């Protein structure tokens, strides 16, 4: 995927907005952090819910998923956007959206109330 494709995918989520975090582009939902793009390796930093799940993703597909020492203590995985499956990313972003979007926004968009993203 390209940065523009990733941006379009994220901005299609209700309440998504552009911002910055640590001097890098990020996306927020109703002011809450959703994900950010790391320019140094064209990777999205995304909370995947648990360190165990993050480690499994890195083990299964290290060409797409990786971490740095900075993220080792967090449930964030770094996702190389050029190699990620767009359907997986869309589902994962929707899952993260459900965790950060305010209740009123979630209630207004029941179409995003689906199951968690596949591993």
PDB file of N, CA and C in Angstrom:
ATOM      1  N   UNK A   1       0.842  -1.179   0.000  1.00  0.00           N
ATOM      2  CA  UNK A   1       0.000   0.000   0.000  1.00  0.00           C
ATOM      3  C   UNK A   1       0.886   1.241   0.000  1.00  0.00           C
ATOM      4  N   UNK A   2       0.333   2.318  -0.520  1.00  0.00           N
ATOM      5  CA  UNK A   2       1.039   3.597  -0.500  1.00  0.00           C
ATOM      6  C   UNK A   2       0.555   4.415   0.697  1.00  0.00           C
ATOM      7  N   UNK A   3       1.269   5.484   1.010  1.00  0.00           N
ATOM      8  CA  UNK A   3       0.827   6.378   2.084  1.00  0.00           C
ATOM      9  C   UNK A   3      -0.549   6.949   1.775  1.00  0.00           C
ATOM     10  N   UNK A   4      -0.797   7.298   0.516  1.00  0.00           N
ATOM     11  CA  UNK A   4      -2.105   7.842   0.138  1.00  0.00           C
ATOM     12  C   UNK A   4      -3.216   6.818   0.328  1.00  0.00           C
ATOM     13  N   UNK A   5      -2.949   5.561   0.002  1.00  0.00           N
ATOM     14  CA  UNK A   5      -3.956   4.508   0.192  1.00  0.00           C
ATOM     15  C   UNK A   5      -4.239   4.286   1.676  1.00  0.00           C
ATOM     16  N   UNK A   6      -3.189   4.295   2.482  1.00  0.00           N
ATOM     17  CA  UNK A   6      -3.366   4.145   3.929  1.00  0.00           C
ATOM     18  C   UNK A   6      -4.167   5.323   4.474  1.00  0.00           C
ATOM     19  N   UNK A   7      -3.825   6.523   4.040  1.00  0.00           N
ATOM     20  CA  UNK A   7      -4.551   7.714   4.486  1.00  0.00           C
ATOM     21  C   UNK A   7      -6.029   7.612   4.123  1.00  0.00           C
ATOM     22  N   UNK A   8      -6.340   7.199   2.907  1.00  0.00           N
ATOM     23  CA  UNK A   8      -7.735   7.074   2.479  1.00  0.00           C
ATOM     24  C   UNK A   8      -8.474   6.041   3.320  1.00  0.00           C
ATOM     25  N   UNK A   9      -7.826   4.936   3.628  1.00  0.00           N
ATOM     26  CA  UNK A   9      -8.424   3.891   4.453  1.00  0.00           C
ATOM     27  C   UNK A   9      -8.755   4.426   5.842  1.00  0.00           C
ATOM     28  N   UNK A  10      -7.821   5.144   6.431  1.00  0.00           N
ATOM     29  CA  UNK A  10      -8.026   5.678   7.777  1.00  0.00           C
ATOM     30  C   UNK A  10      -9.050   6.803   7.776  1.00  0.00           C
ATOM     31  N   UNK A  11      -8.952   7.704   6.820  1.00  0.00           N
ATOM     32  CA  UNK A  11      -9.863   8.851   6.796  1.00  0.00           C
ATOM     33  C   UNK A  11     -11.299   8.445   6.483  1.00  0.00           C
ATOM     34  N   UNK A  12     -11.515   7.226   6.002  1.00  0.00           N
ATOM     35  CA  UNK A  12     -12.873   6.722   5.784  1.00  0.00           C
ATOM     36  C   UNK A  12     -13.547   6.346   7.103  1.00  0.00           C
ATOM     37  N   UNK A  13     -12.771   6.219   8.170  1.00  0.00           N
ATOM     38  CA  UNK A  13     -13.347   5.903   9.480  1.00  0.00           C
ATOM     39  C   UNK A  13     -14.031   7.144  10.045  1.00  0.00           C
ATOM     40  N   UNK A  14     -15.226   6.996  10.592  1.00  0.00           N
ATOM     41  CA  UNK A  14     -15.940   8.147  11.147  1.00  0.00           C
ATOM     42  C   UNK A  14     -15.134   8.855  12.232  1.00  0.00           C
ATOM     43  N   UNK A  15     -15.072  10.163  12.134  1.00  0.00           N
ATOM     44  CA  UNK A  15     -14.377  10.968  13.133  1.00  0.00           C
ATOM     45  C   UNK A  15     -12.877  11.019  12.972  1.00  0.00           C
ATOM     46  N   UNK A  16     -12.335  10.356  11.946  1.00  0.00           N
ATOM     47  CA  UNK A  16     -10.879  10.351  11.747  1.00  0.00           C
ATOM     48  C   UNK A  16     -10.408  11.734  11.331  1.00  0.00           C
ATOM     49  N   UNK A  17      -9.251  12.107  11.852  1.00  0.00           N
ATOM     50  CA  UNK A  17      -8.671  13.410  11.536  1.00  0.00           C
ATOM     51  C   UNK A  17      -7.157  13.288  11.525  1.00  0.00           C
ATOM     52  N   UNK A  18      -6.519  14.172  10.772  1.00  0.00           N
ATOM     53  CA  UNK A  18      -5.060  14.210  10.719  1.00  0.00           C
ATOM     54  C   UNK A  18      -4.514  14.941  11.938  1.00  0.00           C
ATOM     55  N   UNK A  19      -3.328  14.559  12.342  1.00  0.00           N
ATOM     56  CA  UNK A  19      -2.641  15.239  13.422  1.00  0.00           C
ATOM     57  C   UNK A  19      -1.164  14.918  13.359  1.00  0.00           C
ATOM     58  N   UNK A  20      -0.459  15.225  14.421  1.00  0.00           N
ATOM     59  CA  UNK A  20       0.947  14.853  14.531  1.00  0.00           C
ATOM     60  C   UNK A  20       1.193  14.250  15.907  1.00  0.00           C
ATOM     61  N   UNK A  21       2.152  13.358  15.960  1.00  0.00           N
ATOM     62  CA  UNK A  21       2.603  12.761  17.214  1.00  0.00           C
ATOM     63  C   UNK A  21       4.104  12.554  17.076  1.00  0.00           C
ATOM     64  N   UNK A  22       4.856  13.069  18.010  1.00  0.00           N
ATOM     65  CA  UNK A  22       6.314  12.961  17.973  1.00  0.00           C
ATOM     66  C   UNK A  22       6.877  13.529  16.675  1.00  0.00           C
ATOM     67  N   UNK A  23       6.242  14.587  16.164  1.00  0.00           N
ATOM     68  CA  UNK A  23       6.703  15.243  14.953  1.00  0.00           C
ATOM     69  C   UNK A  23       6.420  14.483  13.670  1.00  0.00           C
ATOM     70  N   UNK A  24       5.624  13.440  13.755  1.00  0.00           N
ATOM     71  CA  UNK A  24       5.307  12.608  12.592  1.00  0.00           C
ATOM     72  C   UNK A  24       3.797  12.647  12.346  1.00  0.00           C
ATOM     73  N   UNK A  25       3.378  12.405  11.104  1.00  0.00           N
ATOM     74  CA  UNK A  25       1.939  12.376  10.829  1.00  0.00           C
ATOM     75  C   UNK A  25       1.244  11.285  11.640  1.00  0.00           C
ATOM     76  N   UNK A  26       0.068  11.608  12.124  1.00  0.00           N
ATOM     77  CA  UNK A  26      -0.729  10.607  12.822  1.00  0.00           C
ATOM     78  C   UNK A  26      -2.193  10.822  12.474  1.00  0.00           C
ATOM     79  N   UNK A  27      -2.999   9.902  12.922  1.00  0.00           N
ATOM     80  CA  UNK A  27      -4.448  10.011  12.759  1.00  0.00           C
ATOM     81  C   UNK A  27      -5.078   9.836  14.126  1.00  0.00           C
ATOM     82  N   UNK A  28      -6.126  10.587  14.346  1.00  0.00           N
ATOM     83  CA  UNK A  28      -6.860  10.557  15.606  1.00  0.00           C
ATOM     84  C   UNK A  28      -8.335  10.352  15.311  1.00  0.00           C
ATOM     85  N   UNK A  29      -9.061   9.918  16.316  1.00  0.00           N
ATOM     86  CA  UNK A  29     -10.520   9.823  16.255  1.00  0.00           C
ATOM     87  C   UNK A  29     -11.040  10.593  17.451  1.00  0.00           C
ATOM     88  N   UNK A  30     -11.790  11.647  17.164  1.00  0.00           N
ATOM     89  CA  UNK A  30     -12.322  12.508  18.221  1.00  0.00           C
ATOM     90  C   UNK A  30     -11.208  12.936  19.178  1.00  0.00           C
ATOM     91  N   UNK A  31     -10.045  13.243  18.628  1.00  0.00           N
ATOM     92  CA  UNK A  31      -8.919  13.713  19.420  1.00  0.00           C
ATOM     93  C   UNK A  31      -8.058  12.625  20.033  1.00  0.00           C
ATOM     94  N   UNK A  32      -8.487  11.365  19.974  1.00  0.00           N
ATOM     95  CA  UNK A  32      -7.715  10.264  20.563  1.00  0.00           C
ATOM     96  C   UNK A  32      -6.830   9.617  19.503  1.00  0.00           C
ATOM     97  N   UNK A  33      -5.620   9.283  19.906  1.00  0.00           N
ATOM     98  CA  UNK A  33      -4.637   8.691  19.004  1.00  0.00           C
ATOM     99  C   UNK A  33      -5.127   7.362  18.439  1.00  0.00           C
ATOM    100  N   UNK A  34      -5.039   7.221  17.113  1.00  0.00           N
ATOM    101  CA  UNK A  34      -5.392   5.969  16.442  1.00  0.00           C
ATOM    102  C   UNK A  34      -4.127   5.245  15.956  1.00  0.00           C
ATOM    103  N   UNK A  35      -3.322   5.919  15.157  1.00  0.00           N
ATOM    104  CA  UNK A  35      -2.086   5.344  14.626  1.00  0.00           C
ATOM    105  C   UNK A  35      -1.207   6.470  14.097  1.00  0.00           C
ATOM    106  N   UNK A  36       0.058   6.157  13.860  1.00  0.00           N
ATOM    107  CA  UNK A  36       0.944   7.151  13.257  1.00  0.00           C
ATOM    108  C   UNK A  36       1.848   6.478  12.251  1.00  0.00           C
ATOM    109  N   UNK A  37       2.335   7.273  11.323  1.00  0.00           N
ATOM    110  CA  UNK A  37       3.249   6.792  10.298  1.00  0.00           C
ATOM    111  C   UNK A  37       4.670   7.182  10.676  1.00  0.00           C
ATOM    112  N   UNK A  38       5.544   6.191  10.697  1.00  0.00           N
ATOM    113  CA  UNK A  38       6.963   6.424  10.960  1.00  0.00           C
ATOM    114  C   UNK A  38       7.657   6.625   9.622  1.00  0.00           C
ATOM    115  N   UNK A  39       8.108   7.833   9.364  1.00  0.00           N
ATOM    116  CA  UNK A  39       8.740   8.153   8.082  1.00  0.00           C
ATOM    117  C   UNK A  39      10.035   7.378   7.872  1.00  0.00           C
ATOM    118  N   UNK A  40      10.733   7.063   8.956  1.00  0.00           N
ATOM    119  CA  UNK A  40      12.036   6.414   8.804  1.00  0.00           C
ATOM    120  C   UNK A  40      11.946   5.011   8.218  1.00  0.00           C
ATOM    121  N   UNK A  41      10.791   4.358   8.315  1.00  0.00           N
ATOM    122  CA  UNK A  41      10.673   3.018   7.722  1.00  0.00           C
ATOM    123  C   UNK A  41       9.304   2.768   7.083  1.00  0.00           C
ATOM    124  N   UNK A  42       8.566   3.833   6.806  1.00  0.00           N
ATOM    125  CA  UNK A  42       7.237   3.712   6.189  1.00  0.00           C
ATOM    126  C   UNK A  42       6.383   2.658   6.883  1.00  0.00           C
ATOM    127  N   UNK A  43       6.350   2.732   8.206  1.00  0.00           N
ATOM    128  CA  UNK A  43       5.576   1.784   9.000  1.00  0.00           C
ATOM    129  C   UNK A  43       4.538   2.513   9.834  1.00  0.00           C
ATOM    130  N   UNK A  44       3.380   1.876   9.968  1.00  0.00           N
ATOM    131  CA  UNK A  44       2.373   2.370  10.901  1.00  0.00           C
ATOM    132  C   UNK A  44       2.661   1.777  12.264  1.00  0.00           C
ATOM    133  N   UNK A  45       2.530   2.577  13.299  1.00  0.00           N
ATOM    134  CA  UNK A  45       2.609   2.097  14.673  1.00  0.00           C
ATOM    135  C   UNK A  45       1.170   1.916  15.138  1.00  0.00           C
ATOM    136  N   UNK A  46       0.792   0.672  15.424  1.00  0.00           N
ATOM    137  CA  UNK A  46      -0.600   0.379  15.748  1.00  0.00           C
ATOM    138  C   UNK A  46      -0.696  -0.533  16.955  1.00  0.00           C
ATOM    139  N   UNK A  47      -1.544  -0.168  17.904  1.00  0.00           N
ATOM    140  CA  UNK A  47      -1.811  -0.994  19.077  1.00  0.00           C
ATOM    141  C   UNK A  47      -2.665  -2.180  18.633  1.00  0.00           C
ATOM    142  N   UNK A  48      -2.169  -3.395  18.838  1.00  0.00           N
ATOM    143  CA  UNK A  48      -2.907  -4.598  18.439  1.00  0.00           C
ATOM    144  C   UNK A  48      -3.486  -5.350  19.632  1.00  0.00           C
ATOM    145  N   UNK A  49      -3.540  -4.698  20.783  1.00  0.00           N
ATOM    146  CA  UNK A  49      -4.266  -5.256  21.917  1.00  0.00           C
ATOM    147  C   UNK A  49      -3.453  -6.007  22.940  1.00  0.00           C
ATOM    148  N   UNK A  50      -2.396  -6.679  22.526  1.00  0.00           N
ATOM    149  CA  UNK A  50      -1.575  -7.402  23.497  1.00  0.00           C
ATOM    150  C   UNK A  50      -0.171  -7.612  22.935  1.00  0.00           C
ATOM    151  N   UNK A  51       0.763  -7.734  23.841  1.00  0.00           N
ATOM    152  CA  UNK A  51       2.140  -8.008  23.441  1.00  0.00           C
ATOM    153  C   UNK A  51       2.229  -9.394  22.806  1.00  0.00           C
ATOM    154  N   UNK A  52       1.446 -10.345  23.317  1.00  0.00           N
ATOM    155  CA  UNK A  52       1.457 -11.694  22.759  1.00  0.00           C
ATOM    156  C   UNK A  52       1.010 -11.694  21.297  1.00  0.00           C
ATOM    157  N   UNK A  53      -0.040 -10.956  21.005  1.00  0.00           N
ATOM    158  CA  UNK A  53      -0.530 -10.880  19.624  1.00  0.00           C
ATOM    159  C   UNK A  53       0.499 -10.182  18.740  1.00  0.00           C
ATOM    160  N   UNK A  54       1.078  -9.107  19.248  1.00  0.00           N
ATOM    161  CA  UNK A  54       2.123  -8.403  18.506  1.00  0.00           C
ATOM    162  C   UNK A  54       3.276  -9.344  18.173  1.00  0.00           C
ATOM    163  N   UNK A  55       3.732 -10.088  19.173  1.00  0.00           N
ATOM    164  CA  UNK A  55       4.852 -11.006  18.959  1.00  0.00           C
ATOM    165  C   UNK A  55       4.507 -12.091  17.947  1.00  0.00           C
ATOM    166  N   UNK A  56       3.267 -12.565  17.973  1.00  0.00           N
ATOM    167  CA  UNK A  56       2.828 -13.570  17.014  1.00  0.00           C
ATOM    168  C   UNK A  56       2.865 -13.007  15.590  1.00  0.00           C
ATOM    169  N   UNK A  57       2.394 -11.770  15.412  1.00  0.00           N
ATOM    170  CA  UNK A  57       2.416 -11.149  14.084  1.00  0.00           C
ATOM    171  C   UNK A  57       3.846 -11.018  13.568  1.00  0.00           C
ATOM    172  N   UNK A  58       4.752 -10.579  14.432  1.00  0.00           N
ATOM    173  CA  UNK A  58       6.161 -10.424  14.042  1.00  0.00           C
ATOM    174  C   UNK A  58       6.764 -11.777  13.673  1.00  0.00           C
ATOM    175  N   UNK A  59       6.428 -12.800  14.430  1.00  0.00           N
ATOM    176  CA  UNK A  59       6.966 -14.137  14.160  1.00  0.00           C
ATOM    177  C   UNK A  59       6.428 -14.711  12.846  1.00  0.00           C
ATOM    178  N   UNK A  60       5.139 -14.523  12.597  1.00  0.00           N
ATOM    179  CA  UNK A  60       4.502 -15.097  11.408  1.00  0.00           C
ATOM    180  C   UNK A  60       4.931 -14.395  10.124  1.00  0.00           C
ATOM    181  N   UNK A  61       5.081 -13.065  10.168  1.00  0.00           N
ATOM    182  CA  UNK A  61       5.416 -12.324   8.944  1.00  0.00           C
ATOM    183  C   UNK A  61       6.359 -11.156   9.249  1.00  0.00           C
ATOM    184  N   UNK A  62       7.632 -11.449   9.503  1.00  0.00           N
ATOM    185  CA  UNK A  62       8.588 -10.394   9.863  1.00  0.00           C
ATOM    186  C   UNK A  62       8.905  -9.424   8.723  1.00  0.00           C
ATOM    187  N   UNK A  63       8.526  -9.766   7.503  1.00  0.00           N
ATOM    188  CA  UNK A  63       8.720  -8.837   6.388  1.00  0.00           C
ATOM    189  C   UNK A  63       7.747  -7.666   6.472  1.00  0.00           C
ATOM    190  N   UNK A  64       6.593  -7.886   7.101  1.00  0.00           N
ATOM    191  CA  UNK A  64       5.571  -6.846   7.238  1.00  0.00           C
ATOM    192  C   UNK A  64       5.562  -6.270   8.647  1.00  0.00           C
ATOM    193  N   UNK A  65       5.635  -7.129   9.653  1.00  0.00           N
ATOM    194  CA  UNK A  65       5.497  -6.703  11.043  1.00  0.00           C
ATOM    195  C   UNK A  65       6.852  -6.712  11.740  1.00  0.00           C
ATOM    196  N   UNK A  66       7.111  -5.664  12.500  1.00  0.00           N
ATOM    197  CA  UNK A  66       8.366  -5.593  13.245  1.00  0.00           C
ATOM    198  C   UNK A  66       8.169  -4.661  14.435  1.00  0.00           C
ATOM    199  N   UNK A  67       9.168  -4.630  15.307  1.00  0.00           N
ATOM    200  CA  UNK A  67       9.169  -3.691  16.430  1.00  0.00           C
ATOM    201  C   UNK A  67      10.587  -3.167  16.600  1.00  0.00           C
ATOM    202  N   UNK A  68      10.676  -2.090  17.345  1.00  0.00           N
ATOM    203  CA  UNK A  68      11.976  -1.573  17.760  1.00  0.00           C
ATOM    204  C   UNK A  68      12.014  -1.652  19.281  1.00  0.00           C
ATOM    205  N   UNK A  69      13.171  -1.422  19.847  1.00  0.00           N
ATOM    206  CA  UNK A  69      13.284  -1.470  21.306  1.00  0.00           C
ATOM    207  C   UNK A  69      12.305  -0.522  21.983  1.00  0.00           C
ATOM    208  N   UNK A  70      12.045   0.610  21.364  1.00  0.00           N
ATOM    209  CA  UNK A  70      11.118   1.585  21.942  1.00  0.00           C
ATOM    210  C   UNK A  70       9.738   0.974  22.197  1.00  0.00           C
ATOM    211  N   UNK A  71       9.286   0.095  21.338  1.00  0.00           N
ATOM    212  CA  UNK A  71       7.936  -0.477  21.429  1.00  0.00           C
ATOM    213  C   UNK A  71       7.885  -1.804  22.177  1.00  0.00           C
ATOM    214  N   UNK A  72       9.023  -2.326  22.594  1.00  0.00           N
ATOM    215  CA  UNK A  72       9.077  -3.665  23.182  1.00  0.00           C
ATOM    216  C   UNK A  72       8.139  -3.846  24.382  1.00  0.00           C
ATOM    217  N   UNK A  73       7.934  -2.826  25.181  1.00  0.00           N
ATOM    218  CA  UNK A  73       7.094  -2.946  26.380  1.00  0.00           C
ATOM    219  C   UNK A  73       5.624  -2.612  26.118  1.00  0.00           C
ATOM    220  N   UNK A  74       5.271  -2.362  24.877  1.00  0.00           N
ATOM    221  CA  UNK A  74       3.906  -1.947  24.531  1.00  0.00           C
ATOM    222  C   UNK A  74       3.286  -2.930  23.543  1.00  0.00           C
ATOM    223  N   UNK A  75       1.978  -2.893  23.436  1.00  0.00           N
ATOM    224  CA  UNK A  75       1.248  -3.784  22.524  1.00  0.00           C
ATOM    225  C   UNK A  75       1.200  -3.235  21.101  1.00  0.00           C
ATOM    226  N   UNK A  76       2.146  -2.388  20.761  1.00  0.00           N
ATOM    227  CA  UNK A  76       2.205  -1.808  19.415  1.00  0.00           C
ATOM    228  C   UNK A  76       3.062  -2.677  18.506  1.00  0.00           C
ATOM    229  N   UNK A  77       2.606  -2.803  17.267  1.00  0.00           N
ATOM    230  CA  UNK A  77       3.405  -3.440  16.231  1.00  0.00           C
ATOM    231  C   UNK A  77       3.664  -2.392  15.160  1.00  0.00           C
ATOM    232  N   UNK A  78       4.790  -2.495  14.511  1.00  0.00           N
ATOM    233  CA  UNK A  78       5.104  -1.630  13.376  1.00  0.00           C
ATOM    234  C   UNK A  78       4.770  -2.410  12.115  1.00  0.00           C
ATOM    235  N   UNK A  79       4.006  -1.777  11.235  1.00  0.00           N
ATOM    236  CA  UNK A  79       3.487  -2.443  10.039  1.00  0.00           C
ATOM    237  C   UNK A  79       4.059  -1.755   8.807  1.00  0.00           C
ATOM    238  N   UNK A  80       4.870  -2.465   8.055  1.00  0.00           N
ATOM    239  CA  UNK A  80       5.413  -1.906   6.807  1.00  0.00           C
ATOM    240  C   UNK A  80       4.276  -1.807   5.794  1.00  0.00           C
ATOM    241  N   UNK A  81       3.921  -0.581   5.437  1.00  0.00           N
ATOM    242  CA  UNK A  81       2.713  -0.383   4.632  1.00  0.00           C
ATOM    243  C   UNK A  81       2.839  -0.973   3.232  1.00  0.00           C
ATOM    244  N   UNK A  82       4.034  -1.057   2.693  1.00  0.00           N
ATOM    245  CA  UNK A  82       4.188  -1.592   1.333  1.00  0.00           C
ATOM    246  C   UNK A  82       3.847  -3.071   1.251  1.00  0.00           C
ATOM    247  N   UNK A  83       3.962  -3.799   2.352  1.00  0.00           N
ATOM    248  CA  UNK A  83       3.719  -5.239   2.306  1.00  0.00           C
ATOM    249  C   UNK A  83       2.441  -5.709   2.966  1.00  0.00           C
ATOM    250  N   UNK A  84       1.726  -4.812   3.625  1.00  0.00           N
ATOM    251  CA  UNK A  84       0.557  -5.234   4.394  1.00  0.00           C
ATOM    252  C   UNK A  84      -0.629  -5.534   3.481  1.00  0.00           C
ATOM    253  N   UNK A  85      -1.414  -6.522   3.868  1.00  0.00           N
ATOM    254  CA  UNK A  85      -2.644  -6.846   3.153  1.00  0.00           C
ATOM    255  C   UNK A  85      -3.683  -5.763   3.470  1.00  0.00           C
ATOM    256  N   UNK A  86      -4.227  -5.096   2.459  1.00  0.00           N
ATOM    257  CA  UNK A  86      -5.178  -4.001   2.700  1.00  0.00           C
ATOM    258  C   UNK A  86      -6.417  -4.426   3.485  1.00  0.00           C
ATOM    259  N   UNK A  87      -6.916  -5.633   3.232  1.00  0.00           N
ATOM    260  CA  UNK A  87      -8.106  -6.096   3.960  1.00  0.00           C
ATOM    261  C   UNK A  87      -7.792  -6.316   5.438  1.00  0.00           C
ATOM    262  N   UNK A  88      -6.616  -6.885   5.716  1.00  0.00           N
ATOM    263  CA  UNK A  88      -6.216  -7.079   7.112  1.00  0.00           C
ATOM    264  C   UNK A  88      -6.102  -5.729   7.810  1.00  0.00           C
ATOM    265  N   UNK A  89      -5.438  -4.773   7.149  1.00  0.00           N
ATOM    266  CA  UNK A  89      -5.242  -3.460   7.757  1.00  0.00           C
ATOM    267  C   UNK A  89      -6.574  -2.757   7.991  1.00  0.00           C
ATOM    268  N   UNK A  90      -7.475  -2.841   7.036  1.00  0.00           N
ATOM    269  CA  UNK A  90      -8.791  -2.213   7.194  1.00  0.00           C
ATOM    270  C   UNK A  90      -9.517  -2.786   8.406  1.00  0.00           C
ATOM    271  N   UNK A  91      -9.503  -4.104   8.551  1.00  0.00           N
ATOM    272  CA  UNK A  91     -10.160  -4.745   9.693  1.00  0.00           C
ATOM    273  C   UNK A  91      -9.476  -4.371  11.004  1.00  0.00           C
ATOM    274  N   UNK A  92      -8.155  -4.326  10.992  1.00  0.00           N
ATOM    275  CA  UNK A  92      -7.406  -3.988  12.213  1.00  0.00           C
ATOM    276  C   UNK A  92      -7.645  -2.541  12.620  1.00  0.00           C
ATOM    277  N   UNK A  93      -7.691  -1.649  11.649  1.00  0.00           N
ATOM    278  CA  UNK A  93      -7.977  -0.240  11.947  1.00  0.00           C
ATOM    279  C   UNK A  93      -9.391  -0.074  12.492  1.00  0.00           C
ATOM    280  N   UNK A  94     -10.344  -0.827  11.948  1.00  0.00           N
ATOM    281  CA  UNK A  94     -11.716  -0.767  12.460  1.00  0.00           C
ATOM    282  C   UNK A  94     -11.765  -1.265  13.902  1.00  0.00           C
ATOM    283  N   UNK A  95     -11.001  -2.306  14.191  1.00  0.00           N
ATOM    284  CA  UNK A  95     -10.933  -2.825  15.556  1.00  0.00           C
ATOM    285  C   UNK A  95     -10.362  -1.776  16.507  1.00  0.00           C
ATOM    286  N   UNK A  96      -9.298  -1.134  16.090  1.00  0.00           N
ATOM    287  CA  UNK A  96      -8.694  -0.081  16.918  1.00  0.00           C
ATOM    288  C   UNK A  96      -9.638   1.106  17.047  1.00  0.00           C
ATOM    289  N   UNK A  97     -10.343   1.447  15.960  1.00  0.00           N
ATOM    290  CA  UNK A  97     -11.320   2.539  15.981  1.00  0.00           C
ATOM    291  C   UNK A  97     -12.360   2.284  17.075  1.00  0.00           C
ATOM    292  N   UNK A  98     -12.833   1.036  17.174  1.00  0.00           N
ATOM    293  CA  UNK A  98     -13.847   0.700  18.188  1.00  0.00           C
ATOM    294  C   UNK A  98     -13.320   0.935  19.600  1.00  0.00           C
ATOM    295  N   UNK A  99     -12.019   0.821  19.785  1.00  0.00           N
ATOM    296  CA  UNK A  99     -11.439   1.009  21.120  1.00  0.00           C
ATOM    297  C   UNK A  99     -11.230   2.472  21.476  1.00  0.00           C
ATOM    298  N   UNK A 100     -11.040   3.334  20.467  1.00  0.00           N
ATOM    299  CA  UNK A 100     -10.739   4.735  20.779  1.00  0.00           C
ATOM    300  C   UNK A 100     -11.897   5.690  20.507  1.00  0.00           C
ATOM    301  N   UNK A 101     -12.827   5.306  19.653  1.00  0.00           N
ATOM    302  CA  UNK A 101     -13.951   6.198  19.332  1.00  0.00           C
ATOM    303  C   UNK A 101     -14.869   6.338  20.540  1.00  0.00           C
ATOM    304  N   UNK A 102     -15.393   7.531  20.774  1.00  0.00           N
ATOM    305  CA  UNK A 102     -16.331   7.706  21.880  1.00  0.00           C
ATOM    306  C   UNK A 102     -17.618   6.915  21.635  1.00  0.00           C
ATOM    307  N   UNK A 103     -18.302   6.580  22.718  1.00  0.00           N
ATOM    308  CA  UNK A 103     -19.515   5.758  22.642  1.00  0.00           C
ATOM    309  C   UNK A 103     -20.542   6.331  21.675  1.00  0.00           C
ATOM    310  N   UNK A 104     -20.714   7.630  21.684  1.00  0.00           N
ATOM    311  CA  UNK A 104     -21.702   8.261  20.801  1.00  0.00           C
ATOM    312  C   UNK A 104     -21.362   8.010  19.330  1.00  0.00           C
ATOM    313  N   UNK A 105     -20.104   8.093  18.987  1.00  0.00           N
ATOM    314  CA  UNK A 105     -19.672   7.859  17.612  1.00  0.00           C
ATOM    315  C   UNK A 105     -19.826   6.381  17.247  1.00  0.00           C
ATOM    316  N   UNK A 106     -19.465   5.490  18.171  1.00  0.00           N
ATOM    317  CA  UNK A 106     -19.636   4.049  17.919  1.00  0.00           C
ATOM    318  C   UNK A 106     -21.098   3.705  17.713  1.00  0.00           C
ATOM    319  N   UNK A 107     -21.959   4.292  18.528  1.00  0.00           N
ATOM    320  CA  UNK A 107     -23.396   4.021  18.425  1.00  0.00           C
ATOM    321  C   UNK A 107     -23.952   4.520  17.093  1.00  0.00           C
ATOM    322  N   UNK A 108     -23.430   5.615  16.593  1.00  0.00           N
ATOM    323  CA  UNK A 108     -23.898   6.185  15.323  1.00  0.00           C
ATOM    324  C   UNK A 108     -23.407   5.384  14.113  1.00  0.00           C
ATOM    325  N   UNK A 109     -22.471   4.457  14.334  1.00  0.00           N
ATOM    326  CA  UNK A 109     -21.906   3.677  13.225  1.00  0.00           C
ATOM    327  C   UNK A 109     -21.883   2.188  13.562  1.00  0.00           C
ATOM    328  N   UNK A 110     -23.059   1.577  13.656  1.00  0.00           N
ATOM    329  CA  UNK A 110     -23.120   0.150  14.007  1.00  0.00           C
ATOM    330  C   UNK A 110     -22.454  -0.755  12.970  1.00  0.00           C
ATOM    331  N   UNK A 111     -22.268  -0.258  11.752  1.00  0.00           N
ATOM    332  CA  UNK A 111     -21.611  -1.062  10.716  1.00  0.00           C
ATOM    333  C   UNK A 111     -20.156  -1.364  11.067  1.00  0.00           C
ATOM    334  N   UNK A 112     -19.598  -0.615  12.012  1.00  0.00           N
ATOM    335  CA  UNK A 112     -18.217  -0.844  12.440  1.00  0.00           C
ATOM    336  C   UNK A 112     -18.136  -1.642  13.735  1.00  0.00           C
ATOM    337  N   UNK A 113     -19.246  -2.212  14.156  1.00  0.00           N
ATOM    338  CA  UNK A 113     -19.282  -2.947  15.419  1.00  0.00           C
ATOM    339  C   UNK A 113     -18.918  -4.414  15.243  1.00  0.00           C
ATOM    340  N   UNK A 114     -18.304  -4.766  14.125  1.00  0.00           N
ATOM    341  CA  UNK A 114     -17.986  -6.160  13.806  1.00  0.00           C
ATOM    342  C   UNK A 114     -16.947  -6.781  14.708  1.00  0.00           C
ATOM    343  N   UNK A 115     -16.594  -7.981  14.362  1.00  0.00           N
ATOM    344  CA  UNK A 115     -15.621  -8.759  15.136  1.00  0.00           C
ATOM    345  C   UNK A 115     -14.224  -8.171  14.973  1.00  0.00           C
ATOM    346  N   UNK A 116     -13.340  -8.596  15.837  1.00  0.00           N
ATOM    347  CA  UNK A 116     -11.947  -8.138  15.785  1.00  0.00           C
ATOM    348  C   UNK A 116     -11.298  -8.589  14.484  1.00  0.00           C
ATOM    349  N   UNK A 117     -10.259  -7.903  14.128  1.00  0.00           N
ATOM    350  CA  UNK A 117      -9.527  -8.223  12.899  1.00  0.00           C
ATOM    351  C   UNK A 117      -8.918  -9.613  12.993  1.00  0.00           C
ATOM    352  N   UNK A 118      -8.831 -10.310  11.873  1.00  0.00           N
ATOM    353  CA  UNK A 118      -8.191 -11.627  11.888  1.00  0.00           C
ATOM    354  C   UNK A 118      -6.700 -11.496  12.166  1.00  0.00           C
ATOM    355  N   UNK A 119      -6.120 -12.519  12.741  1.00  0.00           N
ATOM    356  CA  UNK A 119      -4.674 -12.518  13.027  1.00  0.00           C
ATOM    357  C   UNK A 119      -3.892 -12.845  11.792  1.00  0.00           C
TER     358      UNK A 119
END
